[in-house]
Each structure stands twice: as C-alpha cells, then as structure tokens.
C-alpha cells in the first residue's frame, strides 16, 4: 500500500498516523506495532510512539509506505 497523507497542522503523532491510514485498527494497536520495531521513518527504525511526523517525511514498513505532505 502506498499512500499520501496531507497534514492539517504542523505535525501528527506517529501512532495517530498509522491509525488514520488504516495500517492498524486502533491507536493501541499502533503503539504495540511501533514498539515491536515494525515502523521506519525516513528509513530509520522508529520506536517512539508519539514521534512527531512532519511534512516531507516518509513512514514505511512491511507492505506500506506513507508520504506526508
């Protein structure tokens, strides 16, 4: 799945982005998914659940890629 997510503010917490883009079913599932090391931000593994994702960043993992604009 490749998707583009348009920000309406300065940033979005990583766990919320995964939930809004249907990578996970809930915020709690997103936090667990991140903690397991399944998410990369700009190519680096990200373990911070509330990491601030800003325009220009790419969030990816097994089977998904989200470009934030």
PDB file of N, CA and C in Angstrom:
ATOM      1  N   UNK A   1       0.840  -1.176   0.000  1.00  0.00           N
ATOM      2  CA  UNK A   1       0.000   0.000   0.000  1.00  0.00           C
ATOM      3  C   UNK A   1       0.886   1.241   0.000  1.00  0.00           C
ATOM      4  N   UNK A   2       0.664   2.122  -0.956  1.00  0.00           N
ATOM      5  CA  UNK A   2       1.352   3.414  -0.986  1.00  0.00           C
ATOM      6  C   UNK A   2       0.284   4.482  -0.846  1.00  0.00           C
ATOM      7  N   UNK A   3       0.537   5.422   0.044  1.00  0.00           N
ATOM      8  CA  UNK A   3      -0.472   6.432   0.344  1.00  0.00           C
ATOM      9  C   UNK A   3       0.192   7.770   0.602  1.00  0.00           C
ATOM     10  N   UNK A   4      -0.547   8.840   0.340  1.00  0.00           N
ATOM     11  CA  UNK A   4      -0.102  10.188   0.668  1.00  0.00           C
ATOM     12  C   UNK A   4      -1.051  10.738   1.716  1.00  0.00           C
ATOM     13  N   UNK A   5      -0.489  11.285   2.790  1.00  0.00           N
ATOM     14  CA  UNK A   5      -1.290  11.842   3.877  1.00  0.00           C
ATOM     15  C   UNK A   5      -1.035  13.340   3.938  1.00  0.00           C
ATOM     16  N   UNK A   6      -2.098  14.129   3.872  1.00  0.00           N
ATOM     17  CA  UNK A   6      -1.972  15.587   3.913  1.00  0.00           C
ATOM     18  C   UNK A   6      -2.189  16.093   5.337  1.00  0.00           C
ATOM     19  N   UNK A   7      -1.164  16.764   5.859  1.00  0.00           N
ATOM     20  CA  UNK A   7      -1.241  17.323   7.210  1.00  0.00           C
ATOM     21  C   UNK A   7      -2.118  18.565   7.242  1.00  0.00           C
ATOM     22  N   UNK A   8      -2.875  18.720   8.329  1.00  0.00           N
ATOM     23  CA  UNK A   8      -3.669  19.927   8.544  1.00  0.00           C
ATOM     24  C   UNK A   8      -3.082  20.781   9.655  1.00  0.00           C
ATOM     25  N   UNK A   9      -1.949  20.337  10.231  1.00  0.00           N
ATOM     26  CA  UNK A   9      -1.278  21.063  11.303  1.00  0.00           C
ATOM     27  C   UNK A   9       0.229  20.896  11.116  1.00  0.00           C
ATOM     28  N   UNK A  10       1.015  21.304  12.099  1.00  0.00           N
ATOM     29  CA  UNK A  10       2.467  21.226  11.983  1.00  0.00           C
ATOM     30  C   UNK A  10       2.983  19.785  11.957  1.00  0.00           C
ATOM     31  N   UNK A  11       2.316  18.899  12.705  1.00  0.00           N
ATOM     32  CA  UNK A  11       2.761  17.504  12.797  1.00  0.00           C
ATOM     33  C   UNK A  11       1.609  16.610  13.207  1.00  0.00           C
ATOM     34  N   UNK A  12       1.860  15.287  13.124  1.00  0.00           N
ATOM     35  CA  UNK A  12       0.915  14.297  13.615  1.00  0.00           C
ATOM     36  C   UNK A  12       1.730  13.237  14.367  1.00  0.00           C
ATOM     37  N   UNK A  13       1.255  12.807  15.528  1.00  0.00           N
ATOM     38  CA  UNK A  13       1.967  11.722  16.229  1.00  0.00           C
ATOM     39  C   UNK A  13       1.967  10.446  15.371  1.00  0.00           C
ATOM     40  N   UNK A  14       3.069   9.728  15.392  1.00  0.00           N
ATOM     41  CA  UNK A  14       3.218   8.527  14.576  1.00  0.00           C
ATOM     42  C   UNK A  14       2.090   7.531  14.789  1.00  0.00           C
ATOM     43  N   UNK A  15       1.712   7.281  16.044  1.00  0.00           N
ATOM     44  CA  UNK A  15       0.656   6.290  16.312  1.00  0.00           C
ATOM     45  C   UNK A  15      -0.679   6.719  15.684  1.00  0.00           C
ATOM     46  N   UNK A  16      -0.961   8.021  15.688  1.00  0.00           N
ATOM     47  CA  UNK A  16      -2.204   8.511  15.073  1.00  0.00           C
ATOM     48  C   UNK A  16      -2.166   8.365  13.558  1.00  0.00           C
ATOM     49  N   UNK A  17      -1.017   8.624  12.954  1.00  0.00           N
ATOM     50  CA  UNK A  17      -0.885   8.488  11.505  1.00  0.00           C
ATOM     51  C   UNK A  17      -1.175   7.053  11.068  1.00  0.00           C
ATOM     52  N   UNK A  18      -0.624   6.083  11.783  1.00  0.00           N
ATOM     53  CA  UNK A  18      -0.853   4.676  11.431  1.00  0.00           C
ATOM     54  C   UNK A  18      -2.330   4.306  11.558  1.00  0.00           C
ATOM     55  N   UNK A  19      -2.990   4.864  12.574  1.00  0.00           N
ATOM     56  CA  UNK A  19      -4.411   4.585  12.763  1.00  0.00           C
ATOM     57  C   UNK A  19      -5.241   5.229  11.641  1.00  0.00           C
ATOM     58  N   UNK A  20      -4.974   6.501  11.336  1.00  0.00           N
ATOM     59  CA  UNK A  20      -5.744   7.213  10.307  1.00  0.00           C
ATOM     60  C   UNK A  20      -5.565   6.622   8.914  1.00  0.00           C
ATOM     61  N   UNK A  21      -4.399   6.050   8.653  1.00  0.00           N
ATOM     62  CA  UNK A  21      -4.124   5.459   7.335  1.00  0.00           C
ATOM     63  C   UNK A  21      -4.453   3.973   7.287  1.00  0.00           C
ATOM     64  N   UNK A  22      -5.097   3.465   8.333  1.00  0.00           N
ATOM     65  CA  UNK A  22      -5.568   2.075   8.406  1.00  0.00           C
ATOM     66  C   UNK A  22      -4.447   1.042   8.318  1.00  0.00           C
ATOM     67  N   UNK A  23      -3.244   1.408   8.773  1.00  0.00           N
ATOM     68  CA  UNK A  23      -2.174   0.424   8.898  1.00  0.00           C
ATOM     69  C   UNK A  23      -2.496  -0.477  10.092  1.00  0.00           C
ATOM     70  N   UNK A  24      -3.061   0.138  11.156  1.00  0.00           N
ATOM     71  CA  UNK A  24      -3.529  -0.609  12.323  1.00  0.00           C
ATOM     72  C   UNK A  24      -4.994  -0.254  12.562  1.00  0.00           C
ATOM     73  N   UNK A  25      -5.667  -1.075  13.351  1.00  0.00           N
ATOM     74  CA  UNK A  25      -7.091  -0.858  13.595  1.00  0.00           C
ATOM     75  C   UNK A  25      -7.368   0.171  14.678  1.00  0.00           C
ATOM     76  N   UNK A  26      -6.393   0.397  15.576  1.00  0.00           N
ATOM     77  CA  UNK A  26      -6.620   1.340  16.671  1.00  0.00           C
ATOM     78  C   UNK A  26      -5.311   1.990  17.083  1.00  0.00           C
ATOM     79  N   UNK A  27      -5.412   3.006  17.923  1.00  0.00           N
ATOM     80  CA  UNK A  27      -4.222   3.666  18.447  1.00  0.00           C
ATOM     81  C   UNK A  27      -3.393   2.735  19.312  1.00  0.00           C
ATOM     82  N   UNK A  28      -4.066   1.895  20.103  1.00  0.00           N
ATOM     83  CA  UNK A  28      -3.369   0.936  20.954  1.00  0.00           C
ATOM     84  C   UNK A  28      -2.600  -0.083  20.127  1.00  0.00           C
ATOM     85  N   UNK A  29      -3.224  -0.545  19.058  1.00  0.00           N
ATOM     86  CA  UNK A  29      -2.547  -1.497  18.172  1.00  0.00           C
ATOM     87  C   UNK A  29      -1.358  -0.820  17.491  1.00  0.00           C
ATOM     88  N   UNK A  30      -1.503   0.450  17.154  1.00  0.00           N
ATOM     89  CA  UNK A  30      -0.408   1.204  16.526  1.00  0.00           C
ATOM     90  C   UNK A  30       0.776   1.311  17.476  1.00  0.00           C
ATOM     91  N   UNK A  31       0.518   1.595  18.745  1.00  0.00           N
ATOM     92  CA  UNK A  31       1.592   1.720  19.735  1.00  0.00           C
ATOM     93  C   UNK A  31       2.349   0.399  19.878  1.00  0.00           C
ATOM     94  N   UNK A  32       1.631  -0.703  19.901  1.00  0.00           N
ATOM     95  CA  UNK A  32       2.253  -2.028  20.004  1.00  0.00           C
ATOM     96  C   UNK A  32       3.071  -2.330  18.742  1.00  0.00           C
ATOM     97  N   UNK A  33       2.514  -1.999  17.589  1.00  0.00           N
ATOM     98  CA  UNK A  33       3.159  -2.218  16.294  1.00  0.00           C
ATOM     99  C   UNK A  33       4.482  -1.448  16.220  1.00  0.00           C
ATOM    100  N   UNK A  34       4.471  -0.202  16.699  1.00  0.00           N
ATOM    101  CA  UNK A  34       5.684   0.627  16.708  1.00  0.00           C
ATOM    102  C   UNK A  34       6.715   0.052  17.671  1.00  0.00           C
ATOM    103  N   UNK A  35       6.270  -0.332  18.863  1.00  0.00           N
ATOM    104  CA  UNK A  35       7.173  -0.855  19.893  1.00  0.00           C
ATOM    105  C   UNK A  35       7.896  -2.122  19.437  1.00  0.00           C
ATOM    106  N   UNK A  36       7.281  -2.883  18.542  1.00  0.00           N
ATOM    107  CA  UNK A  36       7.890  -4.105  18.022  1.00  0.00           C
ATOM    108  C   UNK A  36       8.961  -3.827  16.970  1.00  0.00           C
ATOM    109  N   UNK A  37       9.134  -2.551  16.595  1.00  0.00           N
ATOM    110  CA  UNK A  37      10.150  -2.188  15.612  1.00  0.00           C
ATOM    111  C   UNK A  37       9.726  -2.382  14.168  1.00  0.00           C
ATOM    112  N   UNK A  38       8.417  -2.324  13.916  1.00  0.00           N
ATOM    113  CA  UNK A  38       7.886  -2.562  12.577  1.00  0.00           C
ATOM    114  C   UNK A  38       7.778  -1.323  11.704  1.00  0.00           C
ATOM    115  N   UNK A  39       8.156  -0.162  12.230  1.00  0.00           N
ATOM    116  CA  UNK A  39       7.938   1.091  11.511  1.00  0.00           C
ATOM    117  C   UNK A  39       9.258   1.823  11.293  1.00  0.00           C
ATOM    118  N   UNK A  40       9.410   2.350  10.093  1.00  0.00           N
ATOM    119  CA  UNK A  40      10.584   3.169   9.768  1.00  0.00           C
ATOM    120  C   UNK A  40      10.119   4.572   9.397  1.00  0.00           C
ATOM    121  N   UNK A  41      10.870   5.561   9.865  1.00  0.00           N
ATOM    122  CA  UNK A  41      10.624   6.952   9.491  1.00  0.00           C
ATOM    123  C   UNK A  41      11.871   7.417   8.755  1.00  0.00           C
ATOM    124  N   UNK A  42      11.707   7.796   7.502  1.00  0.00           N
ATOM    125  CA  UNK A  42      12.830   8.190   6.644  1.00  0.00           C
ATOM    126  C   UNK A  42      13.933   7.134   6.638  1.00  0.00           C
ATOM    127  N   UNK A  43      13.537   5.857   6.625  1.00  0.00           N
ATOM    128  CA  UNK A  43      14.479   4.763   6.511  1.00  0.00           C
ATOM    129  C   UNK A  43      15.081   4.250   7.812  1.00  0.00           C
ATOM    130  N   UNK A  44      14.813   4.923   8.935  1.00  0.00           N
ATOM    131  CA  UNK A  44      15.357   4.518  10.230  1.00  0.00           C
ATOM    132  C   UNK A  44      14.245   3.934  11.108  1.00  0.00           C
ATOM    133  N   UNK A  45      14.532   2.842  11.810  1.00  0.00           N
ATOM    134  CA  UNK A  45      13.535   2.250  12.711  1.00  0.00           C
ATOM    135  C   UNK A  45      13.174   3.275  13.782  1.00  0.00           C
ATOM    136  N   UNK A  46      11.877   3.460  13.997  1.00  0.00           N
ATOM    137  CA  UNK A  46      11.379   4.428  14.991  1.00  0.00           C
ATOM    138  C   UNK A  46      10.605   3.677  16.058  1.00  0.00           C
ATOM    139  N   UNK A  47      11.012   3.846  17.324  1.00  0.00           N
ATOM    140  CA  UNK A  47      10.353   3.174  18.441  1.00  0.00           C
ATOM    141  C   UNK A  47       9.537   4.124  19.306  1.00  0.00           C
ATOM    142  N   UNK A  48       9.605   5.419  19.027  1.00  0.00           N
ATOM    143  CA  UNK A  48       8.827   6.398  19.818  1.00  0.00           C
ATOM    144  C   UNK A  48       7.403   6.455  19.270  1.00  0.00           C
ATOM    145  N   UNK A  49       6.459   6.104  20.104  1.00  0.00           N
ATOM    146  CA  UNK A  49       5.060   6.027  19.678  1.00  0.00           C
ATOM    147  C   UNK A  49       4.482   7.378  19.273  1.00  0.00           C
ATOM    148  N   UNK A  50       4.887   8.430  19.979  1.00  0.00           N
ATOM    149  CA  UNK A  50       4.329   9.765  19.707  1.00  0.00           C
ATOM    150  C   UNK A  50       5.315  10.639  18.934  1.00  0.00           C
ATOM    151  N   UNK A  51       6.232  10.012  18.201  1.00  0.00           N
ATOM    152  CA  UNK A  51       7.188  10.752  17.377  1.00  0.00           C
ATOM    153  C   UNK A  51       6.422  11.721  16.469  1.00  0.00           C
ATOM    154  N   UNK A  52       6.881  12.967  16.398  1.00  0.00           N
ATOM    155  CA  UNK A  52       6.197  13.978  15.579  1.00  0.00           C
ATOM    156  C   UNK A  52       6.567  13.792  14.111  1.00  0.00           C
ATOM    157  N   UNK A  53       5.573  13.475  13.310  1.00  0.00           N
ATOM    158  CA  UNK A  53       5.770  13.292  11.875  1.00  0.00           C
ATOM    159  C   UNK A  53       5.349  14.575  11.184  1.00  0.00           C
ATOM    160  N   UNK A  54       6.262  15.119  10.383  1.00  0.00           N
ATOM    161  CA  UNK A  54       6.034  16.397   9.716  1.00  0.00           C
ATOM    162  C   UNK A  54       6.035  16.217   8.192  1.00  0.00           C
ATOM    163  N   UNK A  55       5.562  17.235   7.501  1.00  0.00           N
ATOM    164  CA  UNK A  55       5.533  17.211   6.038  1.00  0.00           C
ATOM    165  C   UNK A  55       6.930  16.934   5.491  1.00  0.00           C
ATOM    166  N   UNK A  56       6.994  16.095   4.466  1.00  0.00           N
ATOM    167  CA  UNK A  56       8.253  15.752   3.841  1.00  0.00           C
ATOM    168  C   UNK A  56       8.833  14.434   4.317  1.00  0.00           C
ATOM    169  N   UNK A  57       8.262  13.867   5.378  1.00  0.00           N
ATOM    170  CA  UNK A  57       8.766  12.601   5.897  1.00  0.00           C
ATOM    171  C   UNK A  57       8.035  11.422   5.256  1.00  0.00           C
ATOM    172  N   UNK A  58       8.709  10.268   5.265  1.00  0.00           N
ATOM    173  CA  UNK A  58       8.133   9.032   4.732  1.00  0.00           C
ATOM    174  C   UNK A  58       8.120   8.003   5.847  1.00  0.00           C
ATOM    175  N   UNK A  59       6.936   7.456   6.111  1.00  0.00           N
ATOM    176  CA  UNK A  59       6.758   6.417   7.125  1.00  0.00           C
ATOM    177  C   UNK A  59       6.503   5.117   6.371  1.00  0.00           C
ATOM    178  N   UNK A  60       7.288   4.082   6.696  1.00  0.00           N
ATOM    179  CA  UNK A  60       7.154   2.831   5.948  1.00  0.00           C
ATOM    180  C   UNK A  60       7.318   1.620   6.858  1.00  0.00           C
ATOM    181  N   UNK A  61       6.993   0.487   6.291  1.00  0.00           N
ATOM    182  CA  UNK A  61       7.112  -0.781   6.987  1.00  0.00           C
ATOM    183  C   UNK A  61       6.789  -1.884   6.008  1.00  0.00           C
ATOM    184  N   UNK A  62       6.613  -3.092   6.502  1.00  0.00           N
ATOM    185  CA  UNK A  62       6.329  -4.235   5.649  1.00  0.00           C
ATOM    186  C   UNK A  62       4.955  -4.076   4.991  1.00  0.00           C
ATOM    187  N   UNK A  63       4.947  -3.755   3.716  1.00  0.00           N
ATOM    188  CA  UNK A  63       3.697  -3.663   2.972  1.00  0.00           C
ATOM    189  C   UNK A  63       3.039  -2.293   2.947  1.00  0.00           C
ATOM    190  N   UNK A  64       3.675  -1.274   3.508  1.00  0.00           N
ATOM    191  CA  UNK A  64       3.071   0.064   3.442  1.00  0.00           C
ATOM    192  C   UNK A  64       4.126   1.158   3.353  1.00  0.00           C
ATOM    193  N   UNK A  65       3.717   2.260   2.724  1.00  0.00           N
ATOM    194  CA  UNK A  65       4.556   3.460   2.656  1.00  0.00           C
ATOM    195  C   UNK A  65       3.612   4.661   2.648  1.00  0.00           C
ATOM    196  N   UNK A  66       3.861   5.590   3.585  1.00  0.00           N
ATOM    197  CA  UNK A  66       3.022   6.780   3.700  1.00  0.00           C
ATOM    198  C   UNK A  66       3.914   7.997   3.522  1.00  0.00           C
ATOM    199  N   UNK A  67       3.624   8.789   2.500  1.00  0.00           N
ATOM    200  CA  UNK A  67       4.339  10.050   2.283  1.00  0.00           C
ATOM    201  C   UNK A  67       3.491  11.159   2.895  1.00  0.00           C
ATOM    202  N   UNK A  68       4.109  11.947   3.759  1.00  0.00           N
ATOM    203  CA  UNK A  68       3.389  13.016   4.446  1.00  0.00           C
ATOM    204  C   UNK A  68       3.676  14.324   3.736  1.00  0.00           C
ATOM    205  N   UNK A  69       2.609  15.028   3.361  1.00  0.00           N
ATOM    206  CA  UNK A  69       2.753  16.317   2.652  1.00  0.00           C
ATOM    207  C   UNK A  69       2.017  17.411   3.401  1.00  0.00           C
TER     208      UNK A  69
END
